[in-house]
Amino acid sequence: MDADDCARADWQRLGEQDAGQGHSLDRLDDRAKACREHGHGADRAAYEAGHRIGQRAYCSAARGERHALRGETPARLCLEPQQADYERGFSAGLQTFCRARKAYEHGRAGGDDPRTCPESWRLDFETGWRLGREVRDFEQRRQRALAEAEEQRRRAENTQLKPEDRELARRRAAEALAQADRLRERQRNLEIQALTLPR
């Protein structure tokens, strides 16, 4: 906040706005510090009142469910006991997210394990998630092998290189393509295995 922002600040609106963006009350400390540097004070009571309004709007059941389905940890802002709607939504989202098939999709997309699934669902989640990560790993390795094959193919076509260097590049290109084929076959087997995961 600059000096003008601090002079004209509507602290209740700022509190509501900050909570609406998922910020905790700690955000007030940052704002107050900036305004002190400009010779202005902060209205803590007004900010907190606005923050409570924004917090109620932010911590909805729908948002809790969205956070769970995206594999996020619960929003810190919404962990207070009075945010029961958010908690209900988050729990509902976990019922889908923690299933093996959804976990597979999350892992394949590169998502981390947020460690949010209850113990009773951990095995399903970890089974799917690990399989998804393995498929992703094979795909990344295959893409690297294809890139190497393309680089070696270009070298093999470079008439400025010695004939023996071009021949070496042709062999390396063929080896990289063969490696990519092997990786794709292993990836395909895992993808077939994933089809059996419960949804």
C-alpha atoms as a PDB file:
ATOM      1  CA  MET A   1       0.000   0.000   0.000  1.00  0.00           C
ATOM      2  CA  ASP A   2       1.301   3.462  -0.841  1.00  0.00           C
ATOM      3  CA  ALA A   3       0.575   6.682   1.063  1.00  0.00           C
ATOM      4  CA  ASP A   4      -2.591   7.450  -0.938  1.00  0.00           C
ATOM      5  CA  ASP A   5      -3.919   3.920  -0.418  1.00  0.00           C
ATOM      6  CA  CYS A   6      -3.385   4.245   3.321  1.00  0.00           C
ATOM      7  CA  ALA A   7      -4.968   7.699   3.524  1.00  0.00           C
ATOM      8  CA  ARG A   8      -8.105   6.574   1.673  1.00  0.00           C
ATOM      9  CA  ALA A   9      -8.299   3.014   3.014  1.00  0.00           C
ATOM     10  CA  ASP A  10     -11.700   1.492   3.717  1.00  0.00           C
ATOM     11  CA  TRP A  11     -10.434  -1.051   6.220  1.00  0.00           C
ATOM     12  CA  GLN A  12     -13.637  -3.067   6.357  1.00  0.00           C
ATOM     13  CA  ARG A  13     -13.693  -3.417   2.566  1.00  0.00           C
ATOM     14  CA  LEU A  14     -10.005  -4.375   2.577  1.00  0.00           C
ATOM     15  CA  GLY A  15     -10.642  -7.069   5.188  1.00  0.00           C
ATOM     16  CA  GLU A  16     -13.536  -8.479   3.176  1.00  0.00           C
ATOM     17  CA  GLN A  17     -11.488  -8.356  -0.029  1.00  0.00           C
ATOM     18  CA  ASP A  18      -8.465 -10.064   1.516  1.00  0.00           C
ATOM     19  CA  ALA A  19     -10.550 -12.873   3.018  1.00  0.00           C
ATOM     20  CA  GLY A  20     -12.338 -13.228  -0.324  1.00  0.00           C
ATOM     21  CA  GLN A  21      -8.956 -13.971  -1.861  1.00  0.00           C
ATOM     22  CA  GLY A  22      -8.150 -16.577   0.793  1.00  0.00           C
ATOM     23  CA  HIS A  23      -5.823 -14.451   2.937  1.00  0.00           C
ATOM     24  CA  SER A  24      -5.777 -14.919   6.693  1.00  0.00           C
ATOM     25  CA  LEU A  25      -5.859 -12.089   9.248  1.00  0.00           C
ATOM     26  CA  ASP A  26      -2.057 -12.014   9.013  1.00  0.00           C
ATOM     27  CA  ARG A  27      -2.545  -9.912   5.900  1.00  0.00           C
ATOM     28  CA  LEU A  28      -3.608  -7.010   8.147  1.00  0.00           C
ATOM     29  CA  ASP A  29      -0.160  -6.977   9.754  1.00  0.00           C
ATOM     30  CA  ASP A  30       1.452  -6.492   6.335  1.00  0.00           C
ATOM     31  CA  ARG A  31      -0.971  -3.724   5.430  1.00  0.00           C
ATOM     32  CA  ALA A  32      -0.607  -1.985   8.816  1.00  0.00           C
ATOM     33  CA  LYS A  33       3.176  -2.089   8.595  1.00  0.00           C
ATOM     34  CA  ALA A  34       3.121  -0.500   5.133  1.00  0.00           C
ATOM     35  CA  CYS A  35       0.785   2.251   6.332  1.00  0.00           C
ATOM     36  CA  ARG A  36       2.861   2.965   9.463  1.00  0.00           C
ATOM     37  CA  GLU A  37       5.775   3.680   7.157  1.00  0.00           C
ATOM     38  CA  HIS A  38       3.601   6.346   5.498  1.00  0.00           C
ATOM     39  CA  GLY A  39       2.454   7.797   8.813  1.00  0.00           C
ATOM     40  CA  HIS A  40      -1.020   6.227   8.810  1.00  0.00           C
ATOM     41  CA  GLY A  41      -2.677   3.787  11.186  1.00  0.00           C
ATOM     42  CA  ALA A  42      -4.882   0.796  10.448  1.00  0.00           C
ATOM     43  CA  ASP A  43      -8.426   0.253  11.742  1.00  0.00           C
ATOM     44  CA  ARG A  44      -8.085  -3.287  13.086  1.00  0.00           C
ATOM     45  CA  ALA A  45     -11.715  -3.600  14.253  1.00  0.00           C
ATOM     46  CA  ALA A  46     -13.103  -2.552  10.866  1.00  0.00           C
ATOM     47  CA  TYR A  47     -10.674  -4.841   9.034  1.00  0.00           C
ATOM     48  CA  GLU A  48     -11.579  -7.828  11.221  1.00  0.00           C
ATOM     49  CA  ALA A  49     -15.308  -7.186  10.737  1.00  0.00           C
ATOM     50  CA  GLY A  50     -14.843  -7.131   6.971  1.00  0.00           C
ATOM     51  CA  HIS A  51     -12.587 -10.139   7.112  1.00  0.00           C
ATOM     52  CA  ARG A  52     -15.293 -12.175   8.880  1.00  0.00           C
ATOM     53  CA  ILE A  53     -17.751 -11.302   6.080  1.00  0.00           C
ATOM     54  CA  GLY A  54     -15.253 -12.272   3.384  1.00  0.00           C
ATOM     55  CA  GLN A  55     -14.284 -15.411   5.241  1.00  0.00           C
ATOM     56  CA  ARG A  56     -17.905 -16.617   5.370  1.00  0.00           C
ATOM     57  CA  ALA A  57     -18.235 -16.084   1.627  1.00  0.00           C
ATOM     58  CA  TYR A  58     -14.875 -17.688   0.821  1.00  0.00           C
ATOM     59  CA  CYS A  59     -15.251 -20.750   3.035  1.00  0.00           C
ATOM     60  CA  SER A  60     -18.248 -22.210   1.232  1.00  0.00           C
ATOM     61  CA  ALA A  61     -18.999 -25.899   0.823  1.00  0.00           C
ATOM     62  CA  ALA A  62     -18.493 -25.578  -2.936  1.00  0.00           C
ATOM     63  CA  ARG A  63     -15.011 -24.117  -2.492  1.00  0.00           C
ATOM     64  CA  GLY A  64     -14.087 -26.833   0.008  1.00  0.00           C
ATOM     65  CA  GLU A  65     -15.159 -29.495  -2.468  1.00  0.00           C
ATOM     66  CA  ARG A  66     -13.199 -27.821  -5.301  1.00  0.00           C
ATOM     67  CA  HIS A  67     -10.057 -27.661  -3.159  1.00  0.00           C
ATOM     68  CA  ALA A  68     -10.326 -31.360  -2.281  1.00  0.00           C
ATOM     69  CA  LEU A  69     -10.987 -32.396  -5.889  1.00  0.00           C
ATOM     70  CA  ARG A  70      -7.903 -30.501  -7.071  1.00  0.00           C
ATOM     71  CA  GLY A  71      -5.722 -32.273  -4.523  1.00  0.00           C
ATOM     72  CA  GLU A  72      -5.125 -29.181  -2.417  1.00  0.00           C
ATOM     73  CA  THR A  73      -4.730 -29.128   1.331  1.00  0.00           C
ATOM     74  CA  PRO A  74      -7.545 -27.365   3.222  1.00  0.00           C
ATOM     75  CA  ALA A  75      -7.395 -23.581   3.100  1.00  0.00           C
ATOM     76  CA  ARG A  76      -5.877 -22.265   6.324  1.00  0.00           C
ATOM     77  CA  LEU A  77      -8.486 -19.527   6.375  1.00  0.00           C
ATOM     78  CA  CYS A  78     -11.249 -22.127   6.594  1.00  0.00           C
ATOM     79  CA  LEU A  79      -9.924 -24.374   9.356  1.00  0.00           C
ATOM     80  CA  GLU A  80     -11.752 -22.594  12.166  1.00  0.00           C
ATOM     81  CA  PRO A  81     -14.644 -24.495  13.798  1.00  0.00           C
ATOM     82  CA  GLN A  82     -17.247 -22.019  12.517  1.00  0.00           C
ATOM     83  CA  GLN A  83     -16.388 -22.920   8.907  1.00  0.00           C
ATOM     84  CA  ALA A  84     -18.333 -26.192   8.971  1.00  0.00           C
ATOM     85  CA  ASP A  85     -19.726 -25.700   5.441  1.00  0.00           C
ATOM     86  CA  TYR A  86     -16.223 -25.663   4.007  1.00  0.00           C
ATOM     87  CA  GLU A  87     -15.289 -28.787   5.968  1.00  0.00           C
ATOM     88  CA  ARG A  88     -18.405 -30.619   4.716  1.00  0.00           C
ATOM     89  CA  GLY A  89     -17.580 -29.644   1.138  1.00  0.00           C
ATOM     90  CA  PHE A  90     -13.946 -30.675   1.532  1.00  0.00           C
ATOM     91  CA  SER A  91     -14.995 -34.066   2.925  1.00  0.00           C
ATOM     92  CA  ALA A  92     -17.393 -34.563   0.012  1.00  0.00           C
ATOM     93  CA  GLY A  93     -14.610 -33.734  -2.436  1.00  0.00           C
ATOM     94  CA  LEU A  94     -12.277 -36.229  -0.770  1.00  0.00           C
ATOM     95  CA  GLN A  95     -14.795 -39.011  -1.360  1.00  0.00           C
ATOM     96  CA  THR A  96     -14.139 -38.581  -5.084  1.00  0.00           C
ATOM     97  CA  PHE A  97     -10.494 -37.473  -5.002  1.00  0.00           C
ATOM     98  CA  CYS A  98      -9.332 -40.399  -2.863  1.00  0.00           C
ATOM     99  CA  ARG A  99     -10.709 -43.036  -5.229  1.00  0.00           C
ATOM    100  CA  ALA A 100      -8.085 -44.985  -7.132  1.00  0.00           C
ATOM    101  CA  ARG A 101      -9.125 -43.810 -10.619  1.00  0.00           C
ATOM    102  CA  LYS A 102      -9.181 -40.129  -9.675  1.00  0.00           C
ATOM    103  CA  ALA A 103      -5.865 -40.546  -7.859  1.00  0.00           C
ATOM    104  CA  TYR A 104      -4.412 -42.135 -11.019  1.00  0.00           C
ATOM    105  CA  GLU A 105      -5.499 -39.118 -13.086  1.00  0.00           C
ATOM    106  CA  HIS A 106      -4.053 -36.761 -10.461  1.00  0.00           C
ATOM    107  CA  GLY A 107      -0.719 -38.592 -10.444  1.00  0.00           C
ATOM    108  CA  ARG A 108      -0.556 -38.804 -14.223  1.00  0.00           C
ATOM    109  CA  ALA A 109      -1.101 -35.046 -14.436  1.00  0.00           C
ATOM    110  CA  GLY A 110       1.909 -34.561 -12.142  1.00  0.00           C
ATOM    111  CA  GLY A 111      -0.025 -33.838  -8.957  1.00  0.00           C
ATOM    112  CA  ASP A 112       1.647 -34.453  -5.628  1.00  0.00           C
ATOM    113  CA  ASP A 113       0.188 -36.505  -2.807  1.00  0.00           C
ATOM    114  CA  PRO A 114      -1.396 -33.855  -0.546  1.00  0.00           C
ATOM    115  CA  ARG A 115      -1.784 -36.413   2.280  1.00  0.00           C
ATOM    116  CA  THR A 116      -5.407 -35.368   2.749  1.00  0.00           C
ATOM    117  CA  CYS A 117      -7.078 -38.758   2.259  1.00  0.00           C
ATOM    118  CA  PRO A 118      -8.317 -40.426   5.448  1.00  0.00           C
ATOM    119  CA  GLU A 119      -6.457 -43.564   6.480  1.00  0.00           C
ATOM    120  CA  SER A 120      -9.334 -45.796   5.367  1.00  0.00           C
ATOM    121  CA  TRP A 121      -8.925 -44.529   1.774  1.00  0.00           C
ATOM    122  CA  ARG A 122      -5.117 -44.237   1.676  1.00  0.00           C
ATOM    123  CA  LEU A 123      -4.516 -47.593   0.018  1.00  0.00           C
ATOM    124  CA  ASP A 124      -6.907 -46.830  -2.863  1.00  0.00           C
ATOM    125  CA  PHE A 125      -5.407 -43.378  -3.320  1.00  0.00           C
ATOM    126  CA  GLU A 126      -1.787 -44.516  -3.206  1.00  0.00           C
ATOM    127  CA  THR A 127      -2.426 -47.404  -5.597  1.00  0.00           C
ATOM    128  CA  GLY A 128      -3.914 -45.116  -8.224  1.00  0.00           C
ATOM    129  CA  TRP A 129      -1.580 -42.195  -7.613  1.00  0.00           C
ATOM    130  CA  ARG A 130       1.608 -44.273  -7.841  1.00  0.00           C
ATOM    131  CA  LEU A 131       0.392 -45.895 -11.055  1.00  0.00           C
ATOM    132  CA  GLY A 132      -0.373 -42.464 -12.527  1.00  0.00           C
ATOM    133  CA  ARG A 133       3.072 -41.160 -11.582  1.00  0.00           C
ATOM    134  CA  GLU A 134       4.691 -44.220 -13.157  1.00  0.00           C
ATOM    135  CA  VAL A 135       2.787 -43.701 -16.413  1.00  0.00           C
ATOM    136  CA  ARG A 136       3.831 -40.046 -16.389  1.00  0.00           C
ATOM    137  CA  ASP A 137       7.455 -41.012 -15.791  1.00  0.00           C
ATOM    138  CA  PHE A 138       7.455 -43.419 -18.755  1.00  0.00           C
ATOM    139  CA  GLU A 139       5.883 -40.741 -20.964  1.00  0.00           C
ATOM    140  CA  GLN A 140       8.507 -38.169 -19.974  1.00  0.00           C
ATOM    141  CA  ARG A 141      11.330 -40.648 -20.594  1.00  0.00           C
ATOM    142  CA  ARG A 142       9.803 -41.564 -23.963  1.00  0.00           C
ATOM    143  CA  GLN A 143       9.621 -37.896 -24.962  1.00  0.00           C
ATOM    144  CA  ARG A 144      13.288 -37.446 -24.036  1.00  0.00           C
ATOM    145  CA  ALA A 145      14.220 -40.501 -26.133  1.00  0.00           C
ATOM    146  CA  LEU A 146      12.270 -39.116 -29.105  1.00  0.00           C
ATOM    147  CA  ALA A 147      13.986 -35.740 -28.730  1.00  0.00           C
ATOM    148  CA  GLU A 148      17.368 -37.493 -28.663  1.00  0.00           C
ATOM    149  CA  ALA A 149      16.438 -39.492 -31.776  1.00  0.00           C
ATOM    150  CA  GLU A 150      15.484 -36.293 -33.588  1.00  0.00           C
ATOM    151  CA  GLU A 151      18.718 -34.564 -32.580  1.00  0.00           C
ATOM    152  CA  GLN A 152      20.789 -37.534 -33.778  1.00  0.00           C
ATOM    153  CA  ARG A 153      18.788 -37.708 -37.027  1.00  0.00           C
ATOM    154  CA  ARG A 154      19.662 -34.067 -37.725  1.00  0.00           C
ATOM    155  CA  ARG A 155      23.335 -34.832 -37.061  1.00  0.00           C
ATOM    156  CA  ALA A 156      23.182 -37.789 -39.438  1.00  0.00           C
ATOM    157  CA  GLU A 157      21.902 -35.486 -42.176  1.00  0.00           C
ATOM    158  CA  ASN A 158      24.563 -32.838 -41.559  1.00  0.00           C
ATOM    159  CA  THR A 159      26.888 -33.068 -44.572  1.00  0.00           C
ATOM    160  CA  GLN A 160      29.528 -31.001 -42.781  1.00  0.00           C
ATOM    161  CA  LEU A 161      30.227 -33.890 -40.377  1.00  0.00           C
ATOM    162  CA  LYS A 162      32.620 -36.729 -41.134  1.00  0.00           C
ATOM    163  CA  PRO A 163      30.973 -39.863 -42.604  1.00  0.00           C
ATOM    164  CA  GLU A 164      31.855 -41.907 -39.495  1.00  0.00           C
ATOM    165  CA  ASP A 165      30.240 -39.258 -37.240  1.00  0.00           C
ATOM    166  CA  ARG A 166      27.107 -39.276 -39.385  1.00  0.00           C
ATOM    167  CA  GLU A 167      26.963 -43.069 -39.213  1.00  0.00           C
ATOM    168  CA  LEU A 168      27.343 -42.952 -35.423  1.00  0.00           C
ATOM    169  CA  ALA A 169      24.493 -40.432 -35.264  1.00  0.00           C
ATOM    170  CA  ARG A 170      22.291 -42.733 -37.405  1.00  0.00           C
ATOM    171  CA  ARG A 171      22.951 -45.634 -35.023  1.00  0.00           C
ATOM    172  CA  ARG A 172      22.225 -43.462 -31.985  1.00  0.00           C
ATOM    173  CA  ALA A 173      18.997 -42.220 -33.557  1.00  0.00           C
ATOM    174  CA  ALA A 174      17.894 -45.810 -34.182  1.00  0.00           C
ATOM    175  CA  GLU A 175      18.780 -46.778 -30.587  1.00  0.00           C
ATOM    176  CA  ALA A 176      16.837 -43.825 -29.184  1.00  0.00           C
ATOM    177  CA  LEU A 177      13.790 -44.708 -31.311  1.00  0.00           C
ATOM    178  CA  ALA A 178      13.984 -48.333 -30.132  1.00  0.00           C
ATOM    179  CA  GLN A 179      14.182 -47.128 -26.535  1.00  0.00           C
ATOM    180  CA  ALA A 180      11.133 -44.883 -27.087  1.00  0.00           C
ATOM    181  CA  ASP A 181       9.219 -47.883 -28.459  1.00  0.00           C
ATOM    182  CA  ARG A 182      10.122 -50.004 -25.429  1.00  0.00           C
ATOM    183  CA  LEU A 183       9.066 -47.231 -23.058  1.00  0.00           C
ATOM    184  CA  ARG A 184       5.785 -46.780 -24.921  1.00  0.00           C
ATOM    185  CA  GLU A 185       5.058 -50.500 -24.635  1.00  0.00           C
ATOM    186  CA  ARG A 186       5.666 -50.458 -20.878  1.00  0.00           C
ATOM    187  CA  GLN A 187       3.558 -47.314 -20.566  1.00  0.00           C
ATOM    188  CA  ARG A 188       0.736 -48.932 -22.537  1.00  0.00           C
ATOM    189  CA  ASN A 189       0.769 -51.956 -20.213  1.00  0.00           C
ATOM    190  CA  LEU A 190       0.398 -49.664 -17.205  1.00  0.00           C
ATOM    191  CA  GLU A 191      -2.421 -47.746 -18.911  1.00  0.00           C
ATOM    192  CA  ILE A 192      -4.240 -51.040 -19.481  1.00  0.00           C
ATOM    193  CA  GLN A 193      -3.722 -51.886 -15.810  1.00  0.00           C
ATOM    194  CA  ALA A 194      -5.192 -48.486 -14.889  1.00  0.00           C
ATOM    195  CA  LEU A 195      -8.439 -49.365 -16.693  1.00  0.00           C
ATOM    196  CA  THR A 196      -9.147 -51.870 -13.908  1.00  0.00           C
ATOM    197  CA  LEU A 197      -8.955 -49.246 -11.158  1.00  0.00           C
ATOM    198  CA  PRO A 198     -12.277 -48.603  -9.404  1.00  0.00           C
ATOM    199  CA  ARG A 199     -13.840 -45.260 -10.253  1.00  0.00           C
END
